[in-house]
Amino acid sequence: MVPVALILLMSAGGKVDSPTGVAPDRNVYYPGTEELAPDEMRVVALGTGMPNARPKQAATCFLVELGNGDKFLFDIGSGSAERISAMKIPYDYLDKVFIGHLHSDHIGDLAALWIGGVVANRVTPLKIWGPSGAEEKYGTKYMAEHLQKTYVWDVDGRIGNTDTRGLALEVNEFDYKKVNEVIYQENGVTIKSFPAIHALDGSVSYTLEWNGLKFAFSSDTYPNKWWMEHTKNSDLAIHECFASPKILIDKQKFPAQTALNVGTQVHTSPAQFGKVMEDIQPRMAVAYHFFNDFDTQPIVIQDIRETYDGPLSLASDYMVWNVTKENITTRMAAIDEDIWPQPSVYGNRPPDQSKRIGFSKYVWDGRVNYTDVLKKIYEDINKEYGTSVPVPQ
């Protein structure tokens, strides 16, 4: 009989021959510790849950990293900024976001990445791509303009206090009706969009092609002809697989009519997801957009397997796929909850304090100055770090 301890060690990834040894093949991803091969793609799930985020699962967000150094975020749903930080990636590299549609569970943390990324040392502009709408007010450009208006107090309050170069927001809106339209093509990477069917006109899905590999991301959609045509034989196909009507009734407490409508008409149900994947035959099918729990997972699997028997991942937050032409490896990431941001790749600049908007005399005169305390703080920092920053007057 094999001792239980040895079974546990072997399950960690390979045989351990010594009581002081380590598992040679640890089946886990430690962010910031693995260099991608030149021909390799890594995809990390940073939000896989329902529209209402929860501690276990943020709303929709997937990170694609390529062996050429490029990184792309697809959707940026509520709660995902926390997961993004856990990847230990300098925010200067996290400057490209592709939005499938404008529901909050797909853009809810855009402000957290935009402004929070600057606080976390990003000095490059944040670039977003997203669809137009049937009317101007439904488009990505309109959303971004009003996002900037919403946070004008925040932005203006940082000018002259921190390096704010990263607050520049570049918006690339494209026609949602265009089919298999190239919307990004740089450094050997081609990203295309095509219409999706979800809630209103103006939803899209994406494919990313690089180095003979193909990544497909549905965002949210009802099964549709464009997805079927343009994602066939993808290496990694991520498609929504919403909670089934039964789960929505039993767990989300929806009325049956609402559950059936939301679960099969507004979204793609697990049974429909299975049919989609059976038609496009990806190397790996990835189901997301449901609460992946011990009691929901069996229901989702059963529904999918009625129509699809191919390779399948039921996504949960921090699931990782390493993709090459030869293999697709699926693991979970082990994260550091005490994460701090990485330094800027390009270096931070001291702020130009002359550009501060500042306070009114009324508010300024309300300050209580502990001069001796401040003087000591400045003296200690200047001494320790070899600087000569004067104490403000």
Protein backbone atom coordinates (compact mmCIF):
# COMPACT_ATOMS: atom_id res chain seq x y z
CA MET A 1 0.00 0.00 0.00
CA VAL A 2 1.30 3.49 -0.90
CA PRO A 3 1.42 5.74 2.19
CA VAL A 4 -1.15 8.54 2.18
CA ALA A 5 1.57 11.17 2.55
CA LEU A 6 3.30 9.90 -0.59
CA ILE A 7 0.01 9.88 -2.50
CA LEU A 8 -0.49 13.54 -1.56
CA LEU A 9 3.03 14.45 -2.59
CA MET A 10 2.68 12.66 -5.91
CA SER A 11 -0.62 14.40 -6.55
CA ALA A 12 1.16 17.71 -6.14
CA GLY A 13 2.96 16.99 -9.41
CA GLY A 14 5.46 14.15 -9.70
CA LYS A 15 7.15 11.74 -7.33
CA VAL A 16 9.09 13.07 -4.34
CA ASP A 17 11.98 10.78 -3.40
CA SER A 18 13.06 12.52 -0.21
CA PRO A 19 11.31 13.87 2.91
CA THR A 20 13.06 17.20 2.20
CA GLY A 21 12.36 17.15 -1.53
CA VAL A 22 9.89 19.12 -3.60
CA ALA A 23 7.38 18.12 -6.23
CA PRO A 24 9.21 18.37 -9.56
CA ASP A 25 6.16 19.33 -11.60
CA ARG A 26 3.93 21.56 -9.50
CA ASN A 27 0.58 21.80 -11.25
CA VAL A 28 0.00 25.41 -10.31
CA TYR A 29 0.84 28.80 -11.78
CA TYR A 30 2.68 31.34 -9.65
CA PRO A 31 2.21 34.77 -11.27
CA GLY A 32 5.41 36.56 -12.13
CA THR A 33 7.57 33.43 -12.06
CA GLU A 34 7.20 31.88 -15.53
CA GLU A 35 8.56 33.33 -18.74
CA LEU A 36 6.44 32.57 -21.78
CA ALA A 37 8.09 30.72 -24.64
CA PRO A 38 8.30 32.72 -27.91
CA ASP A 39 5.55 30.56 -29.45
CA GLU A 40 3.32 30.32 -26.36
CA MET A 41 0.01 31.93 -25.35
CA ARG A 42 -1.19 32.18 -21.76
CA VAL A 43 -4.80 32.99 -20.90
CA VAL A 44 -5.87 33.76 -17.33
CA ALA A 45 -9.47 33.97 -16.11
CA LEU A 46 -9.78 37.09 -13.96
CA GLY A 47 -13.57 37.15 -13.79
CA THR A 48 -15.89 34.25 -14.62
CA GLY A 49 -19.03 34.70 -12.55
CA MET A 50 -22.53 36.11 -12.80
CA PRO A 51 -23.41 39.79 -13.32
CA ASN A 52 -23.37 40.25 -9.53
CA ALA A 53 -19.74 39.83 -8.43
CA ARG A 54 -18.92 37.83 -5.30
CA PRO A 55 -15.72 37.04 -3.35
CA LYS A 56 -15.17 33.74 -5.19
CA GLN A 57 -15.83 35.07 -8.70
CA ALA A 58 -15.55 38.53 -10.17
CA ALA A 59 -17.49 39.53 -13.26
CA THR A 60 -16.11 38.92 -16.74
CA CYS A 61 -12.44 39.49 -17.52
CA PHE A 62 -9.82 37.43 -19.36
CA LEU A 63 -6.14 38.23 -19.79
CA VAL A 64 -4.29 37.04 -22.89
CA GLU A 65 -0.47 37.07 -22.77
CA LEU A 66 1.67 36.24 -25.80
CA GLY A 67 5.25 35.09 -26.23
CA ASN A 68 6.04 38.30 -28.13
CA GLY A 69 5.39 40.29 -24.93
CA ASP A 70 1.93 41.61 -25.82
CA LYS A 71 -0.89 41.52 -23.28
CA PHE A 72 -4.61 42.10 -23.83
CA LEU A 73 -7.61 42.29 -21.51
CA PHE A 74 -10.99 41.15 -22.81
CA ASP A 75 -13.79 42.77 -20.79
CA ILE A 76 -13.17 44.40 -17.44
CA GLY A 77 -16.13 43.45 -15.25
CA SER A 78 -16.91 44.35 -11.65
CA GLY A 79 -14.34 42.99 -9.21
CA SER A 80 -11.78 42.06 -11.86
CA ALA A 81 -9.28 44.84 -11.03
CA GLU A 82 -8.41 42.99 -7.83
CA ARG A 83 -7.62 39.84 -9.81
CA ILE A 84 -5.60 41.81 -12.36
CA SER A 85 -3.37 43.11 -9.56
CA ALA A 86 -2.65 39.54 -8.45
CA MET A 87 -0.90 38.80 -11.77
CA LYS A 88 2.14 40.86 -10.69
CA ILE A 89 2.35 42.52 -14.10
CA PRO A 90 3.55 46.15 -14.38
CA TYR A 91 0.52 48.24 -15.26
CA ASP A 92 2.40 49.84 -18.17
CA TYR A 93 1.93 46.49 -19.92
CA LEU A 94 -1.80 46.33 -19.11
CA ASP A 95 -2.82 49.14 -21.43
CA LYS A 96 -5.11 47.42 -23.96
CA VAL A 97 -8.75 46.52 -23.19
CA PHE A 98 -11.27 45.04 -25.64
CA ILE A 99 -14.89 45.45 -24.57
CA GLY A 100 -17.65 43.12 -25.78
CA HIS A 101 -20.57 45.26 -24.62
CA LEU A 102 -21.41 47.91 -22.08
CA HIS A 103 -23.14 46.00 -19.28
CA SER A 104 -21.59 46.76 -15.89
CA ASP A 105 -20.44 43.18 -15.40
CA HIS A 106 -18.24 43.66 -18.48
CA ILE A 107 -17.00 47.24 -17.90
CA GLY A 108 -17.61 47.74 -14.17
CA ASP A 109 -13.92 47.95 -13.24
CA LEU A 110 -12.81 50.07 -16.19
CA ALA A 111 -12.41 53.10 -13.92
CA ALA A 112 -10.49 50.99 -11.40
CA LEU A 113 -8.01 49.99 -14.11
CA TRP A 114 -7.86 53.47 -15.65
CA ILE A 115 -7.36 55.54 -12.49
CA GLY A 116 -6.27 52.78 -10.13
CA GLY A 117 -3.68 51.74 -12.69
CA VAL A 118 -2.15 55.22 -12.53
CA VAL A 119 -1.91 54.98 -8.73
CA ALA A 120 -0.30 51.57 -9.35
CA ASN A 121 2.43 53.25 -11.47
CA ARG A 122 1.08 53.08 -15.02
CA VAL A 123 2.42 56.06 -16.99
CA THR A 124 1.19 54.94 -20.43
CA PRO A 125 -2.27 55.85 -21.81
CA LEU A 126 -5.02 53.28 -21.35
CA LYS A 127 -6.36 52.19 -24.73
CA ILE A 128 -9.81 50.70 -25.10
CA TRP A 129 -11.55 49.16 -28.08
CA GLY A 130 -15.28 48.69 -28.15
CA PRO A 131 -18.35 48.66 -30.39
CA SER A 132 -20.59 51.43 -31.59
CA GLY A 133 -24.31 51.22 -30.87
CA ALA A 134 -27.56 51.64 -32.76
CA GLU A 135 -27.56 55.20 -31.39
CA GLU A 136 -24.66 57.40 -30.31
CA LYS A 137 -25.60 57.04 -26.63
CA TYR A 138 -25.16 53.26 -26.85
CA GLY A 139 -21.58 53.38 -28.12
CA THR A 140 -18.22 52.89 -26.41
CA LYS A 141 -17.09 56.45 -27.18
CA TYR A 142 -20.16 57.91 -25.46
CA MET A 143 -19.60 55.68 -22.42
CA ALA A 144 -15.93 56.67 -22.16
CA GLU A 145 -16.66 60.38 -22.50
CA HIS A 146 -19.17 60.20 -19.69
CA LEU A 147 -16.88 58.03 -17.58
CA GLN A 148 -14.30 60.80 -17.77
CA LYS A 149 -16.96 63.36 -16.79
CA THR A 150 -17.98 61.18 -13.84
CA TYR A 151 -14.42 61.08 -12.53
CA VAL A 152 -13.40 64.67 -13.27
CA TRP A 153 -13.09 65.48 -9.54
CA ASP A 154 -10.89 62.41 -9.07
CA VAL A 155 -8.68 63.21 -12.06
CA ASP A 156 -8.30 66.92 -11.31
CA GLY A 157 -7.50 66.15 -7.68
CA ARG A 158 -4.50 64.09 -8.73
CA ILE A 159 -2.94 66.65 -11.06
CA GLY A 160 0.20 68.07 -9.47
CA ASN A 161 0.14 65.41 -6.73
CA THR A 162 1.22 62.28 -8.64
CA ASP A 163 2.53 61.32 -12.09
CA THR A 164 -0.70 61.51 -14.10
CA ARG A 165 0.56 60.68 -17.60
CA GLY A 166 -1.36 57.40 -17.46
CA LEU A 167 -4.69 59.21 -17.13
CA ALA A 168 -4.81 59.67 -20.89
CA LEU A 169 -7.64 57.50 -22.24
CA GLU A 170 -7.58 56.49 -25.90
CA VAL A 171 -10.91 55.21 -27.26
CA ASN A 172 -11.16 53.16 -30.44
CA GLU A 173 -14.80 52.68 -31.38
CA PHE A 174 -15.65 50.45 -34.33
CA ASP A 175 -18.81 49.51 -36.21
CA TYR A 176 -20.53 46.68 -34.35
CA LYS A 177 -22.15 45.49 -37.59
CA LYS A 178 -18.88 44.72 -39.35
CA VAL A 179 -18.23 40.98 -39.69
CA ASN A 180 -14.77 39.53 -39.13
CA GLU A 181 -13.46 43.09 -39.21
CA VAL A 182 -9.81 43.70 -38.32
CA ILE A 183 -9.80 46.22 -35.47
CA TYR A 184 -6.23 45.69 -34.24
CA GLN A 185 -3.15 44.54 -36.13
CA GLU A 186 0.28 45.07 -34.64
CA ASN A 187 3.38 43.01 -33.83
CA GLY A 188 2.02 39.94 -35.60
CA VAL A 189 -1.28 40.04 -33.66
CA THR A 190 -4.62 40.34 -35.42
CA ILE A 191 -7.84 40.95 -33.50
CA LYS A 192 -11.17 40.81 -35.32
CA SER A 193 -14.72 41.53 -34.22
CA PHE A 194 -18.14 40.35 -35.33
CA PRO A 195 -21.66 40.95 -34.04
CA ALA A 196 -23.02 39.23 -30.96
CA ILE A 197 -26.68 39.00 -29.94
CA HIS A 198 -27.23 40.24 -26.40
CA ALA A 199 -29.65 42.74 -24.83
CA LEU A 200 -29.38 45.43 -27.54
CA ASP A 201 -27.63 46.05 -30.82
CA GLY A 202 -24.00 46.86 -30.10
CA SER A 203 -22.63 43.64 -28.58
CA VAL A 204 -19.64 41.96 -30.22
CA SER A 205 -17.36 38.95 -29.93
CA TYR A 206 -13.66 38.73 -30.74
CA THR A 207 -10.97 36.49 -32.15
CA LEU A 208 -7.25 36.98 -31.61
CA GLU A 209 -4.81 35.29 -33.98
CA TRP A 210 -1.06 35.12 -33.48
CA ASN A 211 1.69 32.73 -34.44
CA GLY A 212 -0.73 30.13 -35.80
CA LEU A 213 -2.84 30.16 -32.60
CA LYS A 214 -6.43 31.36 -32.35
CA PHE A 215 -8.24 32.63 -29.26
CA ALA A 216 -12.01 33.28 -29.41
CA PHE A 217 -14.02 35.24 -26.85
CA SER A 218 -17.79 35.58 -27.03
CA SER A 219 -18.36 38.12 -24.24
CA ASP A 220 -22.16 37.65 -23.93
CA THR A 221 -24.27 36.34 -26.79
CA TYR A 222 -27.10 34.14 -27.91
CA PRO A 223 -25.80 31.40 -30.24
CA ASN A 224 -25.30 33.04 -33.62
CA LYS A 225 -24.11 32.45 -37.17
CA TRP A 226 -21.12 34.77 -36.96
CA TRP A 227 -19.60 32.91 -34.02
CA MET A 228 -20.19 29.58 -35.76
CA GLU A 229 -18.48 30.76 -38.93
CA HIS A 230 -15.48 32.61 -37.54
CA THR A 231 -14.40 30.56 -34.50
CA LYS A 232 -14.29 27.05 -35.95
CA ASN A 233 -11.27 25.05 -34.79
CA SER A 234 -10.08 27.76 -32.41
CA ASP A 235 -7.35 26.68 -30.02
CA LEU A 236 -9.16 28.20 -27.04
CA ALA A 237 -12.83 29.16 -27.39
CA ILE A 238 -14.30 31.03 -24.40
CA HIS A 239 -18.07 31.31 -24.64
CA GLU A 240 -20.65 32.30 -22.11
CA CYS A 241 -22.52 29.42 -20.47
CA PHE A 242 -25.01 31.10 -18.19
CA ALA A 243 -26.62 29.48 -15.20
CA SER A 244 -29.42 27.19 -16.37
CA PRO A 245 -33.06 28.16 -15.77
CA LYS A 246 -33.26 25.59 -12.96
CA ILE A 247 -30.25 27.14 -11.21
CA LEU A 248 -31.66 30.64 -11.67
CA ILE A 249 -34.95 29.56 -10.09
CA ASP A 250 -33.46 27.53 -7.23
CA LYS A 251 -30.41 29.66 -6.38
CA GLN A 252 -30.97 33.18 -7.78
CA LYS A 253 -34.69 33.03 -6.84
CA PHE A 254 -35.88 34.23 -10.24
CA PRO A 255 -39.51 33.58 -11.27
CA ALA A 256 -39.70 30.82 -13.89
CA GLN A 257 -40.57 33.22 -16.71
CA THR A 258 -37.58 35.45 -15.90
CA ALA A 259 -35.26 32.46 -15.51
CA LEU A 260 -36.24 31.00 -18.86
CA ASN A 261 -35.92 34.33 -20.64
CA VAL A 262 -32.59 35.34 -19.07
CA GLY A 263 -31.14 31.83 -19.10
CA THR A 264 -31.97 30.89 -22.69
CA GLN A 265 -32.77 34.07 -24.65
CA VAL A 266 -30.63 36.86 -23.18
CA HIS A 267 -27.78 34.43 -22.52
CA THR A 268 -26.59 31.02 -23.74
CA SER A 269 -27.62 28.15 -21.46
CA PRO A 270 -25.29 25.19 -20.75
CA ALA A 271 -27.28 22.96 -23.11
CA GLN A 272 -26.99 25.57 -25.88
CA PHE A 273 -23.30 26.02 -25.08
CA GLY A 274 -22.76 22.32 -25.71
CA LYS A 275 -24.33 22.60 -29.16
CA VAL A 276 -22.18 25.63 -29.97
CA MET A 277 -18.98 23.80 -29.09
CA GLU A 278 -20.03 20.65 -30.90
CA ASP A 279 -20.42 22.78 -34.02
CA ILE A 280 -17.13 24.72 -33.85
CA GLN A 281 -14.90 21.93 -32.40
CA PRO A 282 -12.23 23.95 -30.56
CA ARG A 283 -9.11 22.34 -29.12
CA MET A 284 -10.40 23.52 -25.72
CA ALA A 285 -13.91 24.78 -24.94
CA VAL A 286 -14.18 27.15 -21.97
CA ALA A 287 -17.52 27.77 -20.27
CA TYR A 288 -17.93 30.86 -18.11
CA HIS A 289 -20.61 33.21 -16.69
CA PHE A 290 -22.11 30.98 -14.00
CA PHE A 291 -21.42 30.53 -10.30
CA ASN A 292 -19.14 27.51 -10.34
CA ASP A 293 -20.04 25.71 -7.09
CA PHE A 294 -20.16 22.13 -5.85
CA ASP A 295 -23.92 21.98 -6.39
CA THR A 296 -24.17 23.93 -9.66
CA GLN A 297 -21.26 22.35 -11.50
CA PRO A 298 -22.86 18.89 -11.88
CA ILE A 299 -25.98 20.47 -13.42
CA VAL A 300 -23.92 22.53 -15.87
CA ILE A 301 -21.76 19.54 -16.86
CA GLN A 302 -24.78 17.29 -17.38
CA ASP A 303 -26.43 19.85 -19.66
CA ILE A 304 -23.26 20.44 -21.69
CA ARG A 305 -22.44 16.75 -22.07
CA GLU A 306 -25.82 16.02 -23.61
CA THR A 307 -24.51 17.58 -26.82
CA TYR A 308 -20.73 18.00 -26.50
CA ASP A 309 -18.11 15.46 -25.48
CA GLY A 310 -14.91 17.33 -26.39
CA PRO A 311 -12.22 18.98 -24.23
CA LEU A 312 -13.86 21.27 -21.68
CA SER A 313 -12.93 23.71 -18.92
CA LEU A 314 -15.56 25.06 -16.53
CA ALA A 315 -13.90 28.38 -15.79
CA SER A 316 -13.33 29.75 -12.34
CA ASP A 317 -11.32 32.79 -11.33
CA TYR A 318 -7.54 32.33 -11.59
CA MET A 319 -7.80 29.38 -13.98
CA VAL A 320 -4.86 29.44 -16.41
CA TRP A 321 -4.40 27.95 -19.87
CA ASN A 322 -0.97 27.69 -21.50
CA VAL A 323 -1.45 27.16 -25.23
CA THR A 324 1.06 26.02 -27.83
CA LYS A 325 0.56 24.25 -31.14
CA GLU A 326 1.35 20.95 -29.39
CA ASN A 327 -0.37 21.22 -26.01
CA ILE A 328 -2.95 23.04 -23.91
CA THR A 329 -2.25 22.90 -20.18
CA THR A 330 -4.91 23.91 -17.65
CA ARG A 331 -3.94 24.91 -14.12
CA MET A 332 -4.97 27.20 -11.29
CA ALA A 333 -2.95 30.20 -10.16
CA ALA A 334 -1.72 30.58 -6.59
CA ILE A 335 -2.01 34.24 -5.68
CA ASP A 336 -0.44 36.58 -3.14
CA GLU A 337 -3.20 38.46 -1.36
CA ASP A 338 -0.68 40.94 0.05
CA ILE A 339 0.25 42.16 -3.43
CA TRP A 340 1.74 45.59 -4.06
CA PRO A 341 2.03 47.10 -7.55
CA GLN A 342 5.13 46.69 -9.69
CA PRO A 343 7.22 49.79 -10.48
CA SER A 344 6.66 51.56 -13.77
CA VAL A 345 8.58 50.11 -16.69
CA TYR A 346 9.38 53.63 -17.86
CA GLY A 347 9.88 55.30 -14.49
CA ASN A 348 7.70 57.70 -12.54
CA ARG A 349 8.26 61.44 -12.64
CA PRO A 350 7.83 63.79 -9.68
CA PRO A 351 4.62 65.79 -10.13
CA ASP A 352 4.67 69.39 -11.28
CA GLN A 353 3.09 70.92 -8.21
CA SER A 354 2.56 74.23 -10.00
CA LYS A 355 -0.26 72.52 -11.92
CA ARG A 356 -2.30 71.72 -8.81
CA ILE A 357 -5.80 73.10 -8.86
CA GLY A 358 -5.65 73.36 -5.10
CA PHE A 359 -8.11 74.55 -2.48
CA SER A 360 -10.19 77.60 -1.86
CA LYS A 361 -8.97 79.96 0.88
CA TYR A 362 -11.92 78.80 2.97
CA VAL A 363 -10.78 75.16 2.97
CA TRP A 364 -7.04 75.96 3.07
CA ASP A 365 -7.48 78.03 6.20
CA GLY A 366 -8.97 75.00 7.94
CA ARG A 367 -5.67 73.11 7.97
CA VAL A 368 -4.05 72.22 11.30
CA ASN A 369 -0.28 72.06 10.79
CA TYR A 370 1.88 69.88 13.03
CA THR A 371 5.08 71.53 11.85
CA ASP A 372 7.49 69.57 14.05
CA VAL A 373 5.97 66.24 13.02
CA LEU A 374 6.10 67.07 9.30
CA LYS A 375 9.66 68.39 9.57
CA LYS A 376 10.86 65.13 11.11
CA ILE A 377 9.08 63.01 8.46
CA TYR A 378 10.73 64.96 5.66
CA GLU A 379 14.16 64.93 7.35
CA ASP A 380 14.00 61.17 7.93
CA ILE A 381 12.95 60.40 4.34
CA ASN A 382 15.57 62.73 2.86
CA LYS A 383 18.28 61.19 4.99
CA GLU A 384 17.30 57.57 4.25
CA TYR A 385 16.83 58.00 0.52
CA GLY A 386 19.42 60.69 -0.25
CA THR A 387 16.85 63.27 -1.35
CA SER A 388 16.36 66.92 -0.52
CA VAL A 389 12.60 67.47 -0.69
CA PRO A 390 11.74 70.67 1.21
CA VAL A 391 8.99 70.82 3.81
CA PRO A 392 5.96 72.59 2.28
CA GLN A 393 5.28 76.03 3.70
